[in-house]
Amino acid sequence: MSEQKIGQLLDSLGVEADIEEGDLVAAAFVILKVIKTDGTVSLANARSEGLDWITRLGMVTATAAIENTGFIDTPSTDDT
C-alpha cells in the first residue's frame, strides 16, 4: 500500500463538512472503506499531520456518540 494525498478522492466521493466562514479547522481524522482488487473490504484511516493518538481517540469517540444519538448542537438560551 502506498501513501497518497486524499483531498481529490474525498472531493470525488462528495464529502462535505458544515463549516462556517471564520471557523478554524484544527485537525482531521478520516476513516475510509476500501474495496481491494480481490473484492475484500477493509478499513483504512488518514489523519492530519501532528494529530496525536489521544486527540484522535477523542474525535472518534465523540463522533460515535453523535452518530449513535443524533446529537444536535443547539445555541444556549442562558443569558448569564
C-alpha atoms as a PDB file:
ATOM      1  CA  MET A   1       0.000   0.000   0.000  1.00  0.00           C
ATOM      2  CA  SER A   2       1.343   3.438  -0.857  1.00  0.00           C
ATOM      3  CA  GLU A   3       0.709   6.724   0.936  1.00  0.00           C
ATOM      4  CA  GLN A   4      -1.105   9.333  -1.138  1.00  0.00           C
ATOM      5  CA  LYS A   5      -2.911  12.622  -0.655  1.00  0.00           C
ATOM      6  CA  ILE A   6      -6.679  12.082  -0.431  1.00  0.00           C
ATOM      7  CA  GLY A   7      -8.144  15.546  -0.977  1.00  0.00           C
ATOM      8  CA  GLN A   8      -9.275  14.844  -4.545  1.00  0.00           C
ATOM      9  CA  LEU A   9     -10.515  11.396  -3.532  1.00  0.00           C
ATOM     10  CA  LEU A  10     -12.716  12.916  -0.815  1.00  0.00           C
ATOM     11  CA  ASP A  11     -13.948  15.524  -3.301  1.00  0.00           C
ATOM     12  CA  SER A  12     -14.856  12.807  -5.820  1.00  0.00           C
ATOM     13  CA  LEU A  13     -16.851  10.997  -3.122  1.00  0.00           C
ATOM     14  CA  GLY A  14     -18.821  14.180  -2.431  1.00  0.00           C
ATOM     15  CA  VAL A  15     -17.518  14.614   1.115  1.00  0.00           C
ATOM     16  CA  GLU A  16     -18.623  17.928   2.620  1.00  0.00           C
ATOM     17  CA  ALA A  17     -18.476  19.425   6.118  1.00  0.00           C
ATOM     18  CA  ASP A  18     -20.650  22.037   7.792  1.00  0.00           C
ATOM     19  CA  ILE A  19     -18.023  24.716   8.375  1.00  0.00           C
ATOM     20  CA  GLU A  20     -18.910  28.379   8.631  1.00  0.00           C
ATOM     21  CA  GLU A  21     -16.821  31.300   7.449  1.00  0.00           C
ATOM     22  CA  GLY A  22     -14.265  32.142  10.117  1.00  0.00           C
ATOM     23  CA  ASP A  23     -14.235  28.630  11.623  1.00  0.00           C
ATOM     24  CA  LEU A  24     -10.757  27.157  12.068  1.00  0.00           C
ATOM     25  CA  VAL A  25     -10.298  23.501  11.143  1.00  0.00           C
ATOM     26  CA  ALA A  26      -7.548  22.364  13.516  1.00  0.00           C
ATOM     27  CA  ALA A  27      -7.316  18.633  12.789  1.00  0.00           C
ATOM     28  CA  ALA A  28      -8.774  15.872  10.645  1.00  0.00           C
ATOM     29  CA  PHE A  29      -9.220  12.117  11.020  1.00  0.00           C
ATOM     30  CA  VAL A  30     -10.710  10.249   8.066  1.00  0.00           C
ATOM     31  CA  ILE A  31     -11.975   6.658   8.004  1.00  0.00           C
ATOM     32  CA  LEU A  32     -12.031   5.045   4.562  1.00  0.00           C
ATOM     33  CA  LYS A  33     -13.880   1.922   3.407  1.00  0.00           C
ATOM     34  CA  VAL A  34     -11.604   0.281   0.847  1.00  0.00           C
ATOM     35  CA  ILE A  35     -12.580  -2.448  -1.612  1.00  0.00           C
ATOM     36  CA  LYS A  36      -9.426  -4.279  -2.619  1.00  0.00           C
ATOM     37  CA  THR A  37      -8.781  -5.598  -6.126  1.00  0.00           C
ATOM     38  CA  ASP A  38      -9.580  -9.128  -4.909  1.00  0.00           C
ATOM     39  CA  GLY A  39     -13.001  -7.962  -3.642  1.00  0.00           C
ATOM     40  CA  THR A  40     -12.197  -7.980   0.065  1.00  0.00           C
ATOM     41  CA  VAL A  41     -13.316  -4.981   2.095  1.00  0.00           C
ATOM     42  CA  SER A  42     -11.128  -3.264   4.660  1.00  0.00           C
ATOM     43  CA  LEU A  43     -10.850  -0.016   6.565  1.00  0.00           C
ATOM     44  CA  ALA A  44      -8.045   2.490   6.291  1.00  0.00           C
ATOM     45  CA  ASN A  45      -7.546   5.784   8.063  1.00  0.00           C
ATOM     46  CA  ALA A  46      -5.751   9.036   7.476  1.00  0.00           C
ATOM     47  CA  ARG A  47      -5.026  11.904   9.804  1.00  0.00           C
ATOM     48  CA  SER A  48      -3.672  15.396   9.678  1.00  0.00           C
ATOM     49  CA  GLU A  49      -0.029  15.894  10.482  1.00  0.00           C
ATOM     50  CA  GLY A  50       0.664  16.187  14.191  1.00  0.00           C
ATOM     51  CA  LEU A  51      -2.641  14.650  15.331  1.00  0.00           C
ATOM     52  CA  ASP A  52      -1.786  12.706  18.490  1.00  0.00           C
ATOM     53  CA  TRP A  53      -3.441   9.421  19.472  1.00  0.00           C
ATOM     54  CA  ILE A  54      -5.376  10.787  22.432  1.00  0.00           C
ATOM     55  CA  THR A  55      -6.981  13.565  20.362  1.00  0.00           C
ATOM     56  CA  ARG A  56      -7.708  11.032  17.616  1.00  0.00           C
ATOM     57  CA  LEU A  57      -9.381   8.714  20.147  1.00  0.00           C
ATOM     58  CA  GLY A  58     -11.436  11.620  21.491  1.00  0.00           C
ATOM     59  CA  MET A  59     -12.550  12.610  17.985  1.00  0.00           C
ATOM     60  CA  VAL A  60     -13.575   9.033  17.137  1.00  0.00           C
ATOM     61  CA  THR A  61     -15.401   8.570  20.465  1.00  0.00           C
ATOM     62  CA  ALA A  62     -17.260  11.884  20.128  1.00  0.00           C
ATOM     63  CA  THR A  63     -18.211  11.098  16.532  1.00  0.00           C
ATOM     64  CA  ALA A  64     -19.522   7.661  17.532  1.00  0.00           C
ATOM     65  CA  ALA A  65     -21.657   9.268  20.250  1.00  0.00           C
ATOM     66  CA  ILE A  66     -23.046  11.829  17.792  1.00  0.00           C
ATOM     67  CA  GLU A  67     -23.759   9.172  15.139  1.00  0.00           C
ATOM     68  CA  ASN A  68     -25.451   6.900  17.690  1.00  0.00           C
ATOM     69  CA  THR A  69     -27.615   9.522  19.418  1.00  0.00           C
ATOM     70  CA  GLY A  70     -28.331  12.065  16.696  1.00  0.00           C
ATOM     71  CA  PHE A  71     -26.857  14.834  18.873  1.00  0.00           C
ATOM     72  CA  ILE A  72     -27.521  18.338  17.533  1.00  0.00           C
ATOM     73  CA  ASP A  73     -25.631  21.325  18.882  1.00  0.00           C
ATOM     74  CA  THR A  74     -28.203  23.953  19.792  1.00  0.00           C
ATOM     75  CA  PRO A  75     -27.483  27.535  20.841  1.00  0.00           C
ATOM     76  CA  SER A  76     -27.625  28.197  24.556  1.00  0.00           C
ATOM     77  CA  THR A  77     -30.675  30.087  25.838  1.00  0.00           C
ATOM     78  CA  ASP A  78     -28.818  31.016  29.047  1.00  0.00           C
ATOM     79  CA  ASP A  79     -28.238  34.793  29.084  1.00  0.00           C
ATOM     80  CA  THR A  80     -25.794  34.764  32.008  1.00  0.00           C
END
